[in-house]
Amino acid sequence: MRGRLLWLVVPALLLAAAGAGLSQLRKPSDAPAGREVLARGAALYRAECQACHGGAEGGRKTDIPPPHNRNGHTWHHTDCQLEEIVLQGFDPGDGTPPMPAFAGRLSKADVRAILAHVKTWWTAEQRKGQARLTRERC
């Protein structure tokens, strides 16, 4: 009887552990990123974005190019929109300088790391609102 019980309990425990591991891989878009991702995102942002978009402080929503901190409007866009803009570039068509495409320089994982870093500059309300938009539209 005891041997049969072990044959039932051990596989159930293994399945539960595997399920817990899988759930860690499928984080929602508003889940905080790990330290390594944030450090990578910070380094990439400094190298590829900061010269035009500035840092954690300053700027106004109407600046061109816009700041990505809480003073800007980046948090009004979904993750999928932001990823597309970074990789494909953006030309507003109104005479302002276009943003170049970074598809040849940055991977999707790089862009996600940069976005994770930028999100640390936003308020809790901005992060919640942007995560809701991302869940609804991406």
N, C-alpha and C. Protein backbone atom coordinates (compact mmCIF):
# COMPACT_ATOMS: atom_id res chain seq x y z
N MET A 1 0.82 -1.19 0.00
CA MET A 1 0.00 0.00 0.00
C MET A 1 0.87 1.27 0.00
N ARG A 2 1.90 1.23 0.85
CA ARG A 2 2.78 2.39 0.95
C ARG A 2 3.53 2.63 -0.36
N GLY A 3 3.96 1.59 -1.03
CA GLY A 3 4.65 1.71 -2.31
C GLY A 3 3.77 2.32 -3.37
N ARG A 4 2.49 1.93 -3.38
CA ARG A 4 1.55 2.50 -4.36
C ARG A 4 1.32 3.98 -4.09
N LEU A 5 1.28 4.34 -2.83
CA LEU A 5 1.07 5.74 -2.47
C LEU A 5 2.24 6.60 -2.97
N LEU A 6 3.46 6.07 -2.85
CA LEU A 6 4.63 6.80 -3.35
C LEU A 6 4.55 6.99 -4.86
N TRP A 7 4.07 5.97 -5.58
CA TRP A 7 3.93 6.08 -7.03
C TRP A 7 2.93 7.15 -7.43
N LEU A 8 2.02 7.47 -6.55
CA LEU A 8 1.04 8.52 -6.82
C LEU A 8 1.55 9.89 -6.39
N VAL A 9 2.20 9.94 -5.24
CA VAL A 9 2.62 11.22 -4.67
C VAL A 9 3.82 11.80 -5.41
N VAL A 10 4.83 11.01 -5.70
CA VAL A 10 6.05 11.51 -6.33
C VAL A 10 5.77 12.13 -7.69
N PRO A 11 5.04 11.46 -8.60
CA PRO A 11 4.75 12.12 -9.89
C PRO A 11 3.93 13.40 -9.72
N ALA A 12 3.02 13.41 -8.76
CA ALA A 12 2.23 14.62 -8.53
C ALA A 12 3.12 15.77 -8.08
N LEU A 13 4.07 15.49 -7.21
CA LEU A 13 4.99 16.53 -6.75
C LEU A 13 5.88 17.02 -7.90
N LEU A 14 6.34 16.10 -8.73
CA LEU A 14 7.16 16.50 -9.88
C LEU A 14 6.38 17.38 -10.85
N LEU A 15 5.14 17.02 -11.11
CA LEU A 15 4.30 17.84 -12.00
C LEU A 15 4.04 19.22 -11.41
N ALA A 16 3.79 19.27 -10.11
CA ALA A 16 3.57 20.56 -9.46
C ALA A 16 4.82 21.44 -9.54
N ALA A 17 5.98 20.85 -9.31
CA ALA A 17 7.24 21.60 -9.39
C ALA A 17 7.48 22.09 -10.81
N ALA A 18 7.23 21.24 -11.78
CA ALA A 18 7.42 21.65 -13.18
C ALA A 18 6.47 22.78 -13.54
N GLY A 19 5.24 22.69 -13.08
CA GLY A 19 4.27 23.75 -13.34
C GLY A 19 4.69 25.07 -12.73
N ALA A 20 5.23 25.02 -11.53
CA ALA A 20 5.71 26.24 -10.87
C ALA A 20 6.86 26.84 -11.67
N GLY A 21 7.74 26.00 -12.18
CA GLY A 21 8.85 26.49 -12.99
C GLY A 21 8.37 27.15 -14.27
N LEU A 22 7.37 26.57 -14.92
CA LEU A 22 6.83 27.16 -16.14
C LEU A 22 6.16 28.48 -15.87
N SER A 23 5.48 28.60 -14.74
CA SER A 23 4.81 29.86 -14.45
C SER A 23 5.82 30.98 -14.26
N GLN A 24 7.03 30.65 -13.80
CA GLN A 24 8.07 31.66 -13.66
C GLN A 24 8.52 32.17 -15.02
N LEU A 25 8.46 31.32 -16.04
CA LEU A 25 8.89 31.72 -17.37
C LEU A 25 7.87 32.61 -18.06
N ARG A 26 6.63 32.52 -17.69
CA ARG A 26 5.57 33.29 -18.33
C ARG A 26 5.14 34.44 -17.44
N LYS A 27 6.02 35.40 -17.23
CA LYS A 27 5.68 36.55 -16.40
C LYS A 27 4.74 37.47 -17.15
N PRO A 28 3.78 38.08 -16.46
CA PRO A 28 2.98 39.11 -17.12
C PRO A 28 3.85 40.31 -17.44
N SER A 29 3.42 41.16 -18.37
CA SER A 29 4.25 42.28 -18.81
C SER A 29 4.51 43.28 -17.70
N ASP A 30 3.68 43.27 -16.64
CA ASP A 30 3.89 44.23 -15.57
C ASP A 30 4.69 43.64 -14.41
N ALA A 31 5.16 42.41 -14.55
CA ALA A 31 5.98 41.80 -13.51
C ALA A 31 7.35 42.46 -13.51
N PRO A 32 7.93 42.68 -12.32
CA PRO A 32 9.24 43.32 -12.30
C PRO A 32 10.30 42.43 -12.94
N ALA A 33 11.21 43.06 -13.64
CA ALA A 33 12.29 42.33 -14.30
C ALA A 33 13.38 42.01 -13.29
N GLY A 34 14.16 41.00 -13.58
CA GLY A 34 15.27 40.63 -12.72
C GLY A 34 16.42 41.62 -12.80
N ARG A 35 17.33 41.53 -11.85
CA ARG A 35 18.47 42.46 -11.78
C ARG A 35 19.32 42.43 -13.04
N GLU A 36 19.55 41.22 -13.57
CA GLU A 36 20.40 41.12 -14.76
C GLU A 36 19.77 41.82 -15.95
N VAL A 37 18.46 41.65 -16.11
CA VAL A 37 17.76 42.30 -17.22
C VAL A 37 17.81 43.81 -17.05
N LEU A 38 17.57 44.28 -15.83
CA LEU A 38 17.58 45.73 -15.59
C LEU A 38 18.98 46.32 -15.81
N ALA A 39 20.01 45.61 -15.38
CA ALA A 39 21.38 46.10 -15.58
C ALA A 39 21.71 46.15 -17.07
N ARG A 40 21.32 45.11 -17.79
CA ARG A 40 21.55 45.08 -19.25
C ARG A 40 20.78 46.20 -19.92
N GLY A 41 19.52 46.39 -19.51
CA GLY A 41 18.71 47.46 -20.07
C GLY A 41 19.30 48.83 -19.81
N ALA A 42 19.83 49.03 -18.61
CA ALA A 42 20.44 50.32 -18.26
C ALA A 42 21.67 50.58 -19.13
N ALA A 43 22.50 49.57 -19.31
CA ALA A 43 23.69 49.73 -20.14
C ALA A 43 23.32 50.01 -21.59
N LEU A 44 22.36 49.27 -22.12
CA LEU A 44 21.92 49.50 -23.49
C LEU A 44 21.29 50.87 -23.66
N TYR A 45 20.49 51.30 -22.68
CA TYR A 45 19.86 52.62 -22.76
C TYR A 45 20.94 53.71 -22.81
N ARG A 46 21.92 53.61 -21.92
CA ARG A 46 23.01 54.61 -21.92
C ARG A 46 23.71 54.64 -23.27
N ALA A 47 23.95 53.48 -23.85
CA ALA A 47 24.70 53.40 -25.11
C ALA A 47 23.88 53.81 -26.32
N GLU A 48 22.60 53.49 -26.35
CA GLU A 48 21.81 53.66 -27.57
C GLU A 48 20.73 54.74 -27.52
N CYS A 49 20.29 55.14 -26.34
CA CYS A 49 19.09 55.98 -26.24
C CYS A 49 19.30 57.31 -25.52
N GLN A 50 20.14 57.30 -24.50
CA GLN A 50 20.23 58.45 -23.59
C GLN A 50 20.66 59.74 -24.26
N ALA A 51 21.52 59.68 -25.24
CA ALA A 51 22.00 60.91 -25.90
C ALA A 51 20.84 61.71 -26.49
N CYS A 52 19.82 61.05 -26.98
CA CYS A 52 18.68 61.76 -27.57
C CYS A 52 17.52 61.93 -26.58
N HIS A 53 17.24 60.89 -25.80
CA HIS A 53 16.03 60.90 -24.95
C HIS A 53 16.26 61.30 -23.51
N GLY A 54 17.51 61.48 -23.10
CA GLY A 54 17.80 61.90 -21.73
C GLY A 54 17.69 60.76 -20.75
N GLY A 55 17.79 61.11 -19.47
CA GLY A 55 17.82 60.11 -18.42
C GLY A 55 16.57 60.06 -17.58
N ALA A 56 16.75 59.70 -16.33
CA ALA A 56 15.64 59.47 -15.40
C ALA A 56 14.90 60.74 -15.01
N GLU A 57 15.53 61.88 -15.13
CA GLU A 57 14.92 63.14 -14.72
C GLU A 57 14.89 64.14 -15.86
N GLY A 58 14.01 65.10 -15.74
CA GLY A 58 13.97 66.22 -16.66
C GLY A 58 13.12 65.97 -17.89
N GLY A 59 13.01 67.01 -18.68
CA GLY A 59 12.24 66.94 -19.92
C GLY A 59 10.76 67.20 -19.70
N ARG A 60 10.07 67.36 -20.83
CA ARG A 60 8.62 67.59 -20.82
C ARG A 60 7.96 66.64 -21.82
N LYS A 61 6.70 66.43 -21.63
CA LYS A 61 5.93 65.54 -22.50
C LYS A 61 6.01 65.97 -23.96
N THR A 62 6.15 67.26 -24.21
CA THR A 62 6.13 67.78 -25.59
C THR A 62 7.52 67.85 -26.23
N ASP A 63 8.56 67.48 -25.51
CA ASP A 63 9.92 67.52 -26.08
C ASP A 63 10.05 66.55 -27.25
N ILE A 64 10.87 66.94 -28.22
CA ILE A 64 11.21 66.08 -29.35
C ILE A 64 12.72 65.94 -29.37
N PRO A 65 13.26 64.77 -29.27
CA PRO A 65 12.59 63.52 -28.95
C PRO A 65 12.12 63.51 -27.49
N PRO A 66 11.08 62.74 -27.22
CA PRO A 66 10.49 62.75 -25.88
C PRO A 66 11.36 62.04 -24.84
N PRO A 67 11.29 62.52 -23.60
CA PRO A 67 11.96 61.77 -22.54
C PRO A 67 11.16 60.50 -22.26
N HIS A 68 11.85 59.47 -21.80
CA HIS A 68 11.16 58.21 -21.50
C HIS A 68 10.88 58.06 -20.01
N ASN A 69 11.16 59.10 -19.25
CA ASN A 69 10.90 59.04 -17.82
C ASN A 69 9.43 59.42 -17.53
N ARG A 70 9.11 59.62 -16.27
CA ARG A 70 7.72 59.93 -15.89
C ARG A 70 7.22 61.26 -16.45
N ASN A 71 8.12 62.14 -16.91
CA ASN A 71 7.71 63.42 -17.48
C ASN A 71 7.32 63.31 -18.95
N GLY A 72 7.62 62.18 -19.57
CA GLY A 72 7.33 61.99 -20.99
C GLY A 72 5.99 61.31 -21.20
N HIS A 73 5.81 60.79 -22.38
CA HIS A 73 4.54 60.11 -22.71
C HIS A 73 4.75 58.66 -23.12
N THR A 74 5.93 58.13 -22.94
CA THR A 74 6.23 56.77 -23.35
C THR A 74 5.27 55.78 -22.72
N TRP A 75 4.91 56.03 -21.47
CA TRP A 75 4.03 55.10 -20.75
C TRP A 75 2.61 55.08 -21.31
N HIS A 76 2.29 55.96 -22.23
CA HIS A 76 0.98 55.94 -22.90
C HIS A 76 0.93 54.89 -24.01
N HIS A 77 2.06 54.28 -24.34
CA HIS A 77 2.14 53.30 -25.43
C HIS A 77 2.32 51.89 -24.89
N THR A 78 1.84 50.93 -25.63
CA THR A 78 1.98 49.53 -25.23
C THR A 78 3.41 49.04 -25.49
N ASP A 79 3.76 47.93 -24.86
CA ASP A 79 5.07 47.33 -25.10
C ASP A 79 5.25 46.98 -26.57
N CYS A 80 4.22 46.44 -27.20
CA CYS A 80 4.37 46.05 -28.61
C CYS A 80 4.55 47.27 -29.51
N GLN A 81 3.90 48.38 -29.21
CA GLN A 81 4.10 49.61 -29.99
C GLN A 81 5.52 50.13 -29.81
N LEU A 82 5.98 50.16 -28.57
CA LEU A 82 7.32 50.67 -28.29
C LEU A 82 8.39 49.80 -28.94
N GLU A 83 8.20 48.49 -28.86
CA GLU A 83 9.16 47.59 -29.50
C GLU A 83 9.21 47.84 -31.00
N GLU A 84 8.07 48.01 -31.62
CA GLU A 84 8.03 48.26 -33.06
C GLU A 84 8.71 49.58 -33.41
N ILE A 85 8.46 50.62 -32.63
CA ILE A 85 9.06 51.92 -32.88
C ILE A 85 10.58 51.83 -32.80
N VAL A 86 11.08 51.16 -31.78
CA VAL A 86 12.53 51.05 -31.61
C VAL A 86 13.14 50.24 -32.76
N LEU A 87 12.54 49.12 -33.09
CA LEU A 87 13.13 48.25 -34.11
C LEU A 87 12.94 48.78 -35.53
N GLN A 88 11.79 49.39 -35.82
CA GLN A 88 11.49 49.83 -37.19
C GLN A 88 11.75 51.32 -37.42
N GLY A 89 11.95 52.07 -36.34
CA GLY A 89 12.12 53.51 -36.47
C GLY A 89 10.76 54.20 -36.53
N PHE A 90 10.81 55.53 -36.50
CA PHE A 90 9.55 56.29 -36.52
C PHE A 90 9.80 57.65 -37.15
N ASP A 91 8.98 57.98 -38.12
CA ASP A 91 9.03 59.29 -38.77
C ASP A 91 7.67 59.94 -38.62
N PRO A 92 7.57 60.96 -37.77
CA PRO A 92 6.26 61.60 -37.58
C PRO A 92 5.76 62.32 -38.82
N GLY A 93 6.66 62.59 -39.77
CA GLY A 93 6.24 63.20 -41.03
C GLY A 93 5.90 64.67 -40.92
N ASP A 94 6.28 65.30 -39.83
CA ASP A 94 5.96 66.72 -39.66
C ASP A 94 7.19 67.61 -39.68
N GLY A 95 8.29 67.08 -40.20
CA GLY A 95 9.51 67.86 -40.29
C GLY A 95 10.46 67.66 -39.11
N THR A 96 10.00 67.02 -38.05
CA THR A 96 10.90 66.74 -36.93
C THR A 96 11.81 65.58 -37.31
N PRO A 97 12.99 65.52 -36.73
CA PRO A 97 13.90 64.43 -37.08
C PRO A 97 13.29 63.07 -36.77
N PRO A 98 13.39 62.13 -37.69
CA PRO A 98 12.85 60.79 -37.44
C PRO A 98 13.75 59.99 -36.50
N MET A 99 13.17 59.01 -35.84
CA MET A 99 13.95 58.10 -35.02
C MET A 99 14.44 56.98 -35.92
N PRO A 100 15.74 56.69 -35.89
CA PRO A 100 16.25 55.62 -36.75
C PRO A 100 15.79 54.24 -36.27
N ALA A 101 15.81 53.30 -37.17
CA ALA A 101 15.48 51.91 -36.84
C ALA A 101 16.70 51.26 -36.18
N PHE A 102 16.45 50.47 -35.14
CA PHE A 102 17.52 49.79 -34.43
C PHE A 102 17.49 48.28 -34.65
N ALA A 103 16.73 47.82 -35.64
CA ALA A 103 16.58 46.38 -35.88
C ALA A 103 17.93 45.70 -36.14
N GLY A 104 18.86 46.36 -36.75
CA GLY A 104 20.16 45.77 -37.01
C GLY A 104 21.11 45.81 -35.82
N ARG A 105 20.77 46.64 -34.83
CA ARG A 105 21.66 46.83 -33.68
C ARG A 105 21.13 46.19 -32.40
N LEU A 106 19.81 46.15 -32.27
CA LEU A 106 19.20 45.63 -31.04
C LEU A 106 18.27 44.46 -31.36
N SER A 107 18.27 43.48 -30.50
CA SER A 107 17.34 42.36 -30.63
C SER A 107 16.05 42.70 -29.87
N LYS A 108 15.04 41.88 -30.04
CA LYS A 108 13.81 42.07 -29.28
C LYS A 108 14.08 41.96 -27.78
N ALA A 109 14.96 41.04 -27.40
CA ALA A 109 15.32 40.89 -25.98
C ALA A 109 16.02 42.15 -25.48
N ASP A 110 16.86 42.77 -26.31
CA ASP A 110 17.51 44.03 -25.94
C ASP A 110 16.48 45.12 -25.69
N VAL A 111 15.51 45.23 -26.60
CA VAL A 111 14.48 46.25 -26.47
C VAL A 111 13.66 46.02 -25.21
N ARG A 112 13.33 44.78 -24.94
CA ARG A 112 12.56 44.47 -23.72
C ARG A 112 13.36 44.82 -22.46
N ALA A 113 14.66 44.61 -22.50
CA ALA A 113 15.51 44.97 -21.35
C ALA A 113 15.54 46.49 -21.18
N ILE A 114 15.64 47.22 -22.28
CA ILE A 114 15.62 48.68 -22.22
C ILE A 114 14.29 49.16 -21.66
N LEU A 115 13.19 48.60 -22.13
CA LEU A 115 11.87 49.00 -21.62
C LEU A 115 11.72 48.69 -20.14
N ALA A 116 12.25 47.54 -19.71
CA ALA A 116 12.19 47.20 -18.29
C ALA A 116 12.93 48.26 -17.47
N HIS A 117 14.07 48.69 -17.97
CA HIS A 117 14.85 49.73 -17.28
C HIS A 117 14.08 51.05 -17.25
N VAL A 118 13.55 51.46 -18.38
CA VAL A 118 12.82 52.73 -18.48
C VAL A 118 11.61 52.73 -17.53
N LYS A 119 10.95 51.61 -17.42
CA LYS A 119 9.76 51.53 -16.55
C LYS A 119 10.08 51.79 -15.08
N THR A 120 11.35 51.61 -14.69
CA THR A 120 11.71 51.89 -13.29
C THR A 120 11.64 53.39 -13.00
N TRP A 121 11.62 54.21 -14.03
CA TRP A 121 11.54 55.66 -13.87
C TRP A 121 10.09 56.15 -13.74
N TRP A 122 9.14 55.32 -14.08
CA TRP A 122 7.73 55.73 -14.06
C TRP A 122 7.14 55.59 -12.67
N THR A 123 6.03 56.30 -12.46
CA THR A 123 5.32 56.15 -11.19
C THR A 123 4.60 54.81 -11.20
N ALA A 124 4.18 54.37 -10.01
CA ALA A 124 3.43 53.11 -9.92
C ALA A 124 2.15 53.19 -10.75
N GLU A 125 1.49 54.33 -10.73
CA GLU A 125 0.26 54.50 -11.53
C GLU A 125 0.55 54.40 -13.02
N GLN A 126 1.63 55.01 -13.46
CA GLN A 126 2.00 54.94 -14.88
C GLN A 126 2.30 53.51 -15.29
N ARG A 127 3.04 52.78 -14.45
CA ARG A 127 3.35 51.39 -14.76
C ARG A 127 2.08 50.54 -14.83
N LYS A 128 1.19 50.73 -13.90
CA LYS A 128 -0.07 49.96 -13.90
C LYS A 128 -0.90 50.27 -15.14
N GLY A 129 -1.02 51.53 -15.47
CA GLY A 129 -1.80 51.91 -16.65
C GLY A 129 -1.20 51.38 -17.94
N GLN A 130 0.11 51.45 -18.06
CA GLN A 130 0.78 50.96 -19.26
C GLN A 130 0.68 49.44 -19.35
N ALA A 131 0.78 48.76 -18.23
CA ALA A 131 0.65 47.29 -18.23
C ALA A 131 -0.76 46.88 -18.64
N ARG A 132 -1.76 47.62 -18.18
CA ARG A 132 -3.15 47.33 -18.56
C ARG A 132 -3.33 47.51 -20.06
N LEU A 133 -2.81 48.62 -20.61
CA LEU A 133 -2.90 48.84 -22.05
C LEU A 133 -2.21 47.72 -22.83
N THR A 134 -1.05 47.32 -22.36
CA THR A 134 -0.29 46.26 -23.02
C THR A 134 -1.09 44.95 -23.02
N ARG A 135 -1.68 44.61 -21.88
CA ARG A 135 -2.49 43.38 -21.81
C ARG A 135 -3.70 43.45 -22.75
N GLU A 136 -4.31 44.60 -22.87
CA GLU A 136 -5.51 44.76 -23.70
C GLU A 136 -5.21 44.79 -25.19
N ARG A 137 -4.07 45.34 -25.58
CA ARG A 137 -3.83 45.62 -27.00
C ARG A 137 -2.72 44.83 -27.67
N CYS A 138 -1.88 44.18 -26.91
CA CYS A 138 -0.77 43.42 -27.55
C CYS A 138 -1.11 41.96 -27.69
